[in-house]
N, C-alpha and C. Protein backbone atom coordinates (compact mmCIF):
# COMPACT_ATOMS: atom_id res chain seq x y z
N MET A 1 21.51 14.45 42.61
CA MET A 1 20.54 14.89 41.63
C MET A 1 20.52 13.88 40.48
N PRO A 2 19.35 13.41 40.05
CA PRO A 2 19.30 12.43 38.98
C PRO A 2 19.79 13.01 37.67
N ALA A 3 20.37 12.14 36.86
CA ALA A 3 20.85 12.56 35.54
C ALA A 3 19.65 12.94 34.68
N SER A 4 19.81 14.00 33.92
CA SER A 4 18.70 14.41 33.06
C SER A 4 18.66 13.49 31.83
N ARG A 5 17.46 13.20 31.41
CA ARG A 5 17.29 12.35 30.23
C ARG A 5 16.74 13.21 29.10
N ARG A 6 17.24 12.91 27.92
CA ARG A 6 16.70 13.61 26.76
C ARG A 6 15.29 13.11 26.50
N PRO A 7 14.41 13.99 26.04
CA PRO A 7 13.07 13.53 25.71
C PRO A 7 13.14 12.53 24.55
N VAL A 8 12.22 11.59 24.58
CA VAL A 8 12.17 10.58 23.53
C VAL A 8 11.66 11.25 22.25
N GLN A 9 12.41 11.04 21.16
CA GLN A 9 11.98 11.61 19.89
C GLN A 9 10.85 10.77 19.30
N GLN A 10 9.83 11.46 18.85
CA GLN A 10 8.69 10.80 18.22
C GLN A 10 8.63 11.20 16.76
N ALA A 11 8.21 10.26 15.92
CA ALA A 11 8.10 10.54 14.49
C ALA A 11 7.06 11.62 14.24
N LYS A 12 7.41 12.54 13.34
CA LYS A 12 6.50 13.64 13.00
C LYS A 12 6.63 13.93 11.51
N PRO A 13 5.64 14.62 10.92
CA PRO A 13 5.72 14.96 9.50
C PRO A 13 7.05 15.64 9.17
N GLY A 14 7.63 15.21 8.06
CA GLY A 14 8.93 15.73 7.63
C GLY A 14 10.08 14.80 8.00
N ASP A 15 9.85 13.90 8.96
CA ASP A 15 10.89 12.94 9.35
C ASP A 15 10.96 11.80 8.34
N THR A 16 12.18 11.38 8.02
CA THR A 16 12.36 10.16 7.24
C THR A 16 12.45 9.02 8.23
N VAL A 17 11.57 8.04 8.06
CA VAL A 17 11.46 6.94 9.02
C VAL A 17 11.71 5.61 8.32
N LYS A 18 12.08 4.63 9.14
CA LYS A 18 12.19 3.24 8.68
C LYS A 18 11.28 2.41 9.58
N VAL A 19 10.43 1.61 8.95
CA VAL A 19 9.48 0.80 9.72
C VAL A 19 9.44 -0.63 9.19
N HIS A 20 9.21 -1.54 10.11
CA HIS A 20 8.84 -2.90 9.73
C HIS A 20 7.33 -2.98 9.88
N TYR A 21 6.70 -3.75 9.01
CA TYR A 21 5.24 -3.81 9.03
C TYR A 21 4.75 -5.16 8.53
N THR A 22 3.53 -5.48 8.92
CA THR A 22 2.79 -6.60 8.35
C THR A 22 1.38 -6.09 8.11
N GLY A 23 0.89 -6.31 6.89
CA GLY A 23 -0.46 -5.91 6.52
C GLY A 23 -1.34 -7.13 6.31
N THR A 24 -2.51 -7.12 6.94
CA THR A 24 -3.44 -8.23 6.81
C THR A 24 -4.82 -7.73 6.40
N LEU A 25 -5.58 -8.65 5.80
CA LEU A 25 -6.97 -8.39 5.45
C LEU A 25 -7.85 -8.86 6.60
N ASP A 26 -9.14 -8.56 6.53
CA ASP A 26 -10.06 -8.95 7.61
C ASP A 26 -10.11 -10.45 7.84
N ASP A 27 -9.79 -11.26 6.81
CA ASP A 27 -9.80 -12.71 7.00
C ASP A 27 -8.50 -13.22 7.62
N GLY A 28 -7.57 -12.29 7.94
CA GLY A 28 -6.31 -12.67 8.58
C GLY A 28 -5.19 -12.95 7.61
N SER A 29 -5.48 -13.00 6.31
CA SER A 29 -4.42 -13.29 5.33
C SER A 29 -3.48 -12.09 5.20
N VAL A 30 -2.19 -12.39 5.07
CA VAL A 30 -1.16 -11.35 4.93
C VAL A 30 -1.08 -10.96 3.46
N PHE A 31 -1.23 -9.65 3.17
CA PHE A 31 -1.10 -9.19 1.79
C PHE A 31 0.25 -8.56 1.53
N ASP A 32 0.97 -8.15 2.59
CA ASP A 32 2.30 -7.58 2.42
C ASP A 32 2.99 -7.54 3.78
N SER A 33 4.32 -7.66 3.74
CA SER A 33 5.10 -7.63 4.98
C SER A 33 6.54 -7.30 4.64
N SER A 34 7.21 -6.65 5.57
CA SER A 34 8.65 -6.39 5.41
C SER A 34 9.47 -7.51 6.04
N ASP A 35 8.81 -8.53 6.55
CA ASP A 35 9.50 -9.65 7.19
C ASP A 35 10.53 -10.25 6.23
N GLY A 36 11.76 -10.34 6.68
CA GLY A 36 12.83 -10.89 5.85
C GLY A 36 13.40 -9.90 4.86
N ARG A 37 12.94 -8.65 4.90
CA ARG A 37 13.44 -7.61 4.01
C ARG A 37 13.92 -6.42 4.84
N ASP A 38 14.55 -5.48 4.17
CA ASP A 38 14.91 -4.23 4.83
C ASP A 38 13.63 -3.50 5.22
N PRO A 39 13.68 -2.69 6.27
CA PRO A 39 12.49 -1.92 6.64
C PRO A 39 12.12 -0.95 5.52
N LEU A 40 10.85 -0.58 5.49
CA LEU A 40 10.34 0.40 4.53
C LEU A 40 10.80 1.78 4.99
N GLU A 41 11.36 2.56 4.07
CA GLU A 41 11.84 3.91 4.39
C GLU A 41 11.05 4.92 3.57
N PHE A 42 10.54 5.95 4.24
CA PHE A 42 9.82 7.01 3.56
C PHE A 42 9.78 8.24 4.47
N THR A 43 9.36 9.36 3.92
CA THR A 43 9.25 10.61 4.68
C THR A 43 7.79 10.84 5.02
N LEU A 44 7.52 10.96 6.32
CA LEU A 44 6.14 11.22 6.78
C LEU A 44 5.63 12.52 6.19
N GLY A 45 4.41 12.48 5.66
CA GLY A 45 3.77 13.67 5.14
C GLY A 45 3.95 13.88 3.65
N GLU A 46 4.75 13.04 2.99
CA GLU A 46 4.96 13.22 1.55
C GLU A 46 3.97 12.42 0.70
N GLY A 47 3.11 11.63 1.34
CA GLY A 47 2.10 10.89 0.59
C GLY A 47 2.62 9.70 -0.19
N MET A 48 3.74 9.14 0.23
CA MET A 48 4.31 7.99 -0.48
C MET A 48 3.66 6.67 -0.05
N VAL A 49 2.94 6.69 1.04
CA VAL A 49 2.19 5.52 1.51
C VAL A 49 0.75 5.97 1.77
N VAL A 50 -0.14 5.02 1.95
CA VAL A 50 -1.54 5.39 2.18
C VAL A 50 -1.66 6.21 3.46
N PRO A 51 -2.62 7.14 3.50
CA PRO A 51 -2.73 8.08 4.62
C PRO A 51 -2.86 7.42 5.99
N GLY A 52 -3.64 6.36 6.09
CA GLY A 52 -3.82 5.70 7.37
C GLY A 52 -2.55 5.07 7.90
N PHE A 53 -1.68 4.62 6.97
CA PHE A 53 -0.40 4.02 7.36
C PHE A 53 0.48 5.09 8.00
N GLU A 54 0.52 6.27 7.36
CA GLU A 54 1.29 7.38 7.93
C GLU A 54 0.78 7.75 9.31
N ALA A 55 -0.54 7.78 9.46
CA ALA A 55 -1.14 8.17 10.74
C ALA A 55 -0.75 7.20 11.86
N LEU A 56 -0.58 5.92 11.53
CA LEU A 56 -0.15 4.94 12.55
C LEU A 56 1.24 5.26 13.07
N ILE A 57 2.10 5.76 12.22
CA ILE A 57 3.50 5.98 12.57
C ILE A 57 3.72 7.34 13.24
N ASP A 58 2.90 8.33 12.86
CA ASP A 58 3.03 9.67 13.42
C ASP A 58 2.91 9.59 14.95
N GLY A 59 3.94 10.05 15.65
CA GLY A 59 3.92 10.05 17.11
C GLY A 59 4.60 8.86 17.76
N LEU A 60 4.98 7.85 16.97
CA LEU A 60 5.69 6.69 17.54
C LEU A 60 7.14 7.05 17.86
N ALA A 61 7.67 6.41 18.88
CA ALA A 61 9.09 6.51 19.20
C ALA A 61 9.78 5.25 18.66
N VAL A 62 11.09 5.36 18.43
CA VAL A 62 11.86 4.21 17.93
C VAL A 62 11.65 3.02 18.87
N GLY A 63 11.35 1.88 18.28
CA GLY A 63 11.13 0.65 19.04
C GLY A 63 9.67 0.39 19.37
N GLU A 64 8.81 1.40 19.23
CA GLU A 64 7.39 1.22 19.54
C GLU A 64 6.68 0.51 18.39
N THR A 65 5.67 -0.27 18.75
CA THR A 65 4.84 -0.99 17.80
C THR A 65 3.40 -0.55 17.99
N LYS A 66 2.70 -0.45 16.87
CA LYS A 66 1.29 -0.05 16.91
C LYS A 66 0.54 -0.86 15.87
N LYS A 67 -0.70 -1.19 16.18
CA LYS A 67 -1.55 -1.93 15.25
C LYS A 67 -2.83 -1.15 15.04
N GLY A 68 -3.27 -1.08 13.79
CA GLY A 68 -4.50 -0.36 13.51
C GLY A 68 -5.17 -0.86 12.24
N ARG A 69 -6.50 -0.76 12.24
CA ARG A 69 -7.30 -1.17 11.07
C ARG A 69 -7.70 0.09 10.31
N LEU A 70 -7.40 0.09 9.02
CA LEU A 70 -7.70 1.24 8.17
C LEU A 70 -8.92 0.94 7.31
N PRO A 71 -9.94 1.79 7.36
CA PRO A 71 -11.06 1.61 6.44
C PRO A 71 -10.56 1.92 5.02
N PRO A 72 -11.28 1.47 4.00
CA PRO A 72 -10.83 1.71 2.62
C PRO A 72 -10.50 3.18 2.34
N GLU A 73 -11.24 4.11 2.93
CA GLU A 73 -11.01 5.54 2.68
C GLU A 73 -9.63 5.99 3.15
N LYS A 74 -9.05 5.30 4.13
CA LYS A 74 -7.73 5.65 4.65
C LYS A 74 -6.64 4.76 4.05
N ALA A 75 -7.06 3.85 3.15
CA ALA A 75 -6.11 2.93 2.53
C ALA A 75 -6.08 3.22 1.02
N TYR A 76 -6.60 2.30 0.20
CA TYR A 76 -6.56 2.48 -1.25
C TYR A 76 -7.86 2.99 -1.84
N GLY A 77 -8.76 3.46 -0.99
CA GLY A 77 -10.01 4.05 -1.46
C GLY A 77 -11.07 3.02 -1.76
N PRO A 78 -12.25 3.49 -2.12
CA PRO A 78 -13.34 2.58 -2.43
C PRO A 78 -13.11 1.91 -3.79
N HIS A 79 -13.74 0.78 -3.98
CA HIS A 79 -13.71 0.12 -5.29
C HIS A 79 -14.72 0.84 -6.16
N ILE A 80 -14.28 1.35 -7.29
CA ILE A 80 -15.14 2.11 -8.20
C ILE A 80 -15.53 1.22 -9.37
N PRO A 81 -16.80 0.77 -9.41
CA PRO A 81 -17.23 -0.16 -10.46
C PRO A 81 -16.97 0.34 -11.88
N GLU A 82 -17.04 1.67 -12.09
CA GLU A 82 -16.83 2.22 -13.43
C GLU A 82 -15.40 2.03 -13.94
N MET A 83 -14.49 1.67 -13.05
CA MET A 83 -13.10 1.45 -13.46
C MET A 83 -12.87 0.03 -13.97
N ALA A 84 -13.91 -0.77 -13.99
CA ALA A 84 -13.83 -2.12 -14.56
C ALA A 84 -14.55 -2.09 -15.91
N VAL A 85 -13.89 -2.56 -16.94
CA VAL A 85 -14.47 -2.55 -18.28
C VAL A 85 -14.28 -3.91 -18.95
N LYS A 86 -15.23 -4.23 -19.83
CA LYS A 86 -15.11 -5.43 -20.66
C LYS A 86 -14.63 -5.02 -22.03
N MET A 87 -13.64 -5.76 -22.53
CA MET A 87 -13.11 -5.51 -23.87
C MET A 87 -13.25 -6.78 -24.69
N PRO A 88 -13.41 -6.63 -26.00
CA PRO A 88 -13.44 -7.82 -26.85
C PRO A 88 -12.10 -8.57 -26.78
N ARG A 89 -12.17 -9.86 -26.62
CA ARG A 89 -10.95 -10.66 -26.55
C ARG A 89 -10.12 -10.52 -27.83
N ALA A 90 -10.78 -10.26 -28.94
CA ALA A 90 -10.08 -10.11 -30.22
C ALA A 90 -9.10 -8.94 -30.21
N GLU A 91 -9.26 -7.98 -29.27
CA GLU A 91 -8.35 -6.83 -29.19
C GLU A 91 -7.02 -7.18 -28.51
N PHE A 92 -6.91 -8.39 -27.97
CA PHE A 92 -5.67 -8.81 -27.32
C PHE A 92 -4.83 -9.61 -28.30
N PRO A 93 -3.51 -9.46 -28.25
CA PRO A 93 -2.66 -10.23 -29.15
C PRO A 93 -2.90 -11.73 -28.97
N PRO A 94 -2.87 -12.50 -30.07
CA PRO A 94 -3.19 -13.92 -29.97
C PRO A 94 -2.23 -14.71 -29.06
N GLY A 95 -0.99 -14.27 -28.92
CA GLY A 95 -0.02 -15.03 -28.13
C GLY A 95 -0.07 -14.78 -26.63
N ILE A 96 -0.89 -13.84 -26.19
CA ILE A 96 -0.91 -13.50 -24.76
C ILE A 96 -1.70 -14.56 -23.98
N ASP A 97 -1.08 -15.06 -22.92
CA ASP A 97 -1.75 -16.03 -22.06
C ASP A 97 -2.55 -15.27 -21.01
N LEU A 98 -3.85 -15.25 -21.17
CA LEU A 98 -4.71 -14.54 -20.23
C LEU A 98 -4.88 -15.36 -18.96
N GLU A 99 -4.82 -14.69 -17.81
CA GLU A 99 -5.13 -15.34 -16.54
C GLU A 99 -5.64 -14.29 -15.57
N VAL A 100 -6.58 -14.70 -14.73
CA VAL A 100 -7.13 -13.81 -13.73
C VAL A 100 -6.00 -13.40 -12.78
N GLY A 101 -5.92 -12.10 -12.52
CA GLY A 101 -4.87 -11.57 -11.65
C GLY A 101 -3.68 -11.01 -12.42
N LEU A 102 -3.61 -11.27 -13.72
CA LEU A 102 -2.51 -10.76 -14.53
C LEU A 102 -2.61 -9.25 -14.65
N GLY A 103 -1.53 -8.55 -14.36
CA GLY A 103 -1.49 -7.10 -14.48
C GLY A 103 -1.00 -6.70 -15.86
N LEU A 104 -1.64 -5.69 -16.42
CA LEU A 104 -1.28 -5.16 -17.73
C LEU A 104 -1.24 -3.65 -17.67
N GLN A 105 -0.61 -3.04 -18.66
CA GLN A 105 -0.66 -1.58 -18.79
C GLN A 105 -1.38 -1.27 -20.09
N LEU A 106 -2.31 -0.33 -20.01
CA LEU A 106 -3.03 0.14 -21.19
C LEU A 106 -2.65 1.58 -21.45
N ARG A 107 -2.72 1.97 -22.72
CA ARG A 107 -2.43 3.35 -23.08
C ARG A 107 -3.74 4.01 -23.52
N THR A 108 -4.02 5.17 -22.94
CA THR A 108 -5.23 5.90 -23.31
C THR A 108 -5.03 6.54 -24.68
N GLU A 109 -6.09 7.08 -25.24
CA GLU A 109 -5.98 7.78 -26.51
C GLU A 109 -5.07 9.00 -26.40
N GLN A 110 -4.93 9.53 -25.17
CA GLN A 110 -4.04 10.68 -24.94
C GLN A 110 -2.60 10.25 -24.69
N GLY A 111 -2.34 8.94 -24.70
CA GLY A 111 -0.98 8.44 -24.54
C GLY A 111 -0.57 8.11 -23.12
N GLN A 112 -1.48 8.30 -22.15
CA GLN A 112 -1.14 8.00 -20.76
C GLN A 112 -1.24 6.50 -20.51
N LEU A 113 -0.30 5.98 -19.69
CA LEU A 113 -0.33 4.57 -19.30
C LEU A 113 -1.06 4.43 -17.97
N PHE A 114 -1.83 3.35 -17.83
CA PHE A 114 -2.41 3.05 -16.53
C PHE A 114 -2.49 1.55 -16.35
N ASP A 115 -2.39 1.14 -15.10
CA ASP A 115 -2.36 -0.27 -14.75
C ASP A 115 -3.76 -0.83 -14.61
N VAL A 116 -3.95 -2.04 -15.11
CA VAL A 116 -5.21 -2.76 -14.97
C VAL A 116 -4.89 -4.21 -14.61
N THR A 117 -5.89 -4.88 -14.07
CA THR A 117 -5.76 -6.29 -13.73
C THR A 117 -6.89 -7.06 -14.40
N ILE A 118 -6.55 -8.22 -14.97
CA ILE A 118 -7.60 -9.07 -15.55
C ILE A 118 -8.36 -9.71 -14.39
N THR A 119 -9.67 -9.48 -14.37
CA THR A 119 -10.48 -10.06 -13.29
C THR A 119 -11.38 -11.19 -13.78
N ALA A 120 -11.58 -11.27 -15.12
CA ALA A 120 -12.38 -12.36 -15.70
C ALA A 120 -12.14 -12.38 -17.20
N PHE A 121 -12.36 -13.53 -17.82
CA PHE A 121 -12.31 -13.60 -19.28
C PHE A 121 -13.04 -14.87 -19.74
N ASP A 122 -13.50 -14.80 -20.97
CA ASP A 122 -14.10 -15.97 -21.61
C ASP A 122 -13.70 -15.92 -23.09
N ASP A 123 -14.37 -16.67 -23.93
CA ASP A 123 -14.00 -16.72 -25.35
C ASP A 123 -14.23 -15.40 -26.07
N LYS A 124 -15.14 -14.56 -25.56
CA LYS A 124 -15.50 -13.33 -26.26
C LYS A 124 -14.99 -12.06 -25.61
N THR A 125 -14.89 -12.03 -24.27
CA THR A 125 -14.53 -10.78 -23.60
C THR A 125 -13.46 -10.99 -22.53
N VAL A 126 -12.81 -9.88 -22.19
CA VAL A 126 -11.84 -9.83 -21.09
C VAL A 126 -12.26 -8.66 -20.20
N THR A 127 -12.41 -8.91 -18.90
CA THR A 127 -12.75 -7.84 -17.97
C THR A 127 -11.47 -7.33 -17.33
N LEU A 128 -11.26 -6.01 -17.46
CA LEU A 128 -10.08 -5.35 -16.91
C LEU A 128 -10.54 -4.39 -15.81
N ASP A 129 -9.82 -4.39 -14.70
CA ASP A 129 -10.16 -3.53 -13.58
C ASP A 129 -9.01 -2.57 -13.31
N GLY A 130 -9.30 -1.27 -13.37
CA GLY A 130 -8.28 -0.25 -13.12
C GLY A 130 -8.17 0.16 -11.66
N ASN A 131 -8.99 -0.43 -10.79
CA ASN A 131 -8.86 -0.16 -9.35
C ASN A 131 -7.60 -0.83 -8.83
N HIS A 132 -7.03 -0.26 -7.77
CA HIS A 132 -5.93 -0.94 -7.08
C HIS A 132 -6.49 -2.26 -6.56
N PRO A 133 -5.70 -3.35 -6.58
CA PRO A 133 -6.23 -4.63 -6.09
C PRO A 133 -6.76 -4.60 -4.66
N LEU A 134 -6.30 -3.65 -3.83
CA LEU A 134 -6.77 -3.57 -2.45
C LEU A 134 -7.85 -2.49 -2.25
N ALA A 135 -8.31 -1.88 -3.35
CA ALA A 135 -9.37 -0.87 -3.25
C ALA A 135 -10.63 -1.53 -2.70
N GLY A 136 -11.31 -0.79 -1.81
CA GLY A 136 -12.56 -1.29 -1.23
C GLY A 136 -12.36 -2.22 -0.05
N LYS A 137 -11.10 -2.46 0.34
CA LYS A 137 -10.83 -3.38 1.44
C LYS A 137 -10.27 -2.63 2.64
N ALA A 138 -10.69 -3.08 3.82
CA ALA A 138 -10.09 -2.58 5.06
C ALA A 138 -8.76 -3.31 5.24
N LEU A 139 -7.76 -2.59 5.69
CA LEU A 139 -6.42 -3.16 5.88
C LEU A 139 -6.00 -2.97 7.33
N THR A 140 -5.42 -4.00 7.91
CA THR A 140 -4.87 -3.90 9.25
C THR A 140 -3.35 -3.97 9.14
N PHE A 141 -2.69 -3.00 9.76
CA PHE A 141 -1.23 -2.96 9.76
C PHE A 141 -0.72 -3.05 11.19
N GLU A 142 0.33 -3.82 11.37
CA GLU A 142 1.12 -3.77 12.59
C GLU A 142 2.46 -3.19 12.17
N VAL A 143 2.82 -2.04 12.76
CA VAL A 143 4.03 -1.33 12.39
C VAL A 143 4.94 -1.17 13.60
N THR A 144 6.24 -1.28 13.35
CA THR A 144 7.25 -1.02 14.37
C THR A 144 8.21 0.01 13.82
N LEU A 145 8.36 1.12 14.52
CA LEU A 145 9.29 2.17 14.10
C LEU A 145 10.70 1.72 14.43
N VAL A 146 11.52 1.58 13.40
CA VAL A 146 12.89 1.09 13.55
C VAL A 146 13.88 2.24 13.70
N GLU A 147 13.63 3.32 12.93
CA GLU A 147 14.61 4.42 12.94
C GLU A 147 13.95 5.71 12.48
N ILE A 148 14.38 6.81 13.06
CA ILE A 148 14.06 8.14 12.55
C ILE A 148 15.40 8.70 12.07
N ALA A 149 15.50 9.00 10.79
CA ALA A 149 16.76 9.43 10.21
C ALA A 149 17.33 10.61 10.99
N GLY A 150 18.61 10.50 11.31
CA GLY A 150 19.28 11.57 12.03
C GLY A 150 19.08 11.50 13.53
N ALA A 151 18.18 10.60 13.98
CA ALA A 151 17.94 10.49 15.41
C ALA A 151 18.91 9.47 15.99
N SER A 152 19.37 9.74 17.18
CA SER A 152 20.22 8.76 17.86
C SER A 152 19.47 8.27 19.09
N GLU A 153 19.62 7.01 19.35
CA GLU A 153 18.92 6.46 20.53
C GLU A 153 19.63 6.88 21.79
N ALA A 154 18.88 7.19 22.80
CA ALA A 154 19.46 7.65 24.07
C ALA A 154 20.11 6.51 24.81
């Protein structure tokens, strides 16, 4: 009689997983990767990563790799033009070196902090964008499930 094999455990919501990944844009450029770093660890279903990324991992077994393209709605959402504002350059401290891509934190009148990125500037104005830098972009991820916490490989 053949030896019985345990069923292969697949990642499911509530599992803490470790994954290696590479994220690329439609032009093929890599925007993020775990290459050369420890795998990314998070709990499926807790919303710590974009929804489409979680969906790629849900159902994978340890050692499996999957690749998928996420539309903006399943990644960082659409780019919202109203989240970009122009401010007078005079409102910035004189010693700050402005450059496109520089991230800053602004405080609202209610005291809340939020992240913005300088997207343009000239002698009179600075354009700040409160959208995530990857908002409005489709993202392709290749993910490999490295570990499911508490799971042992057969």
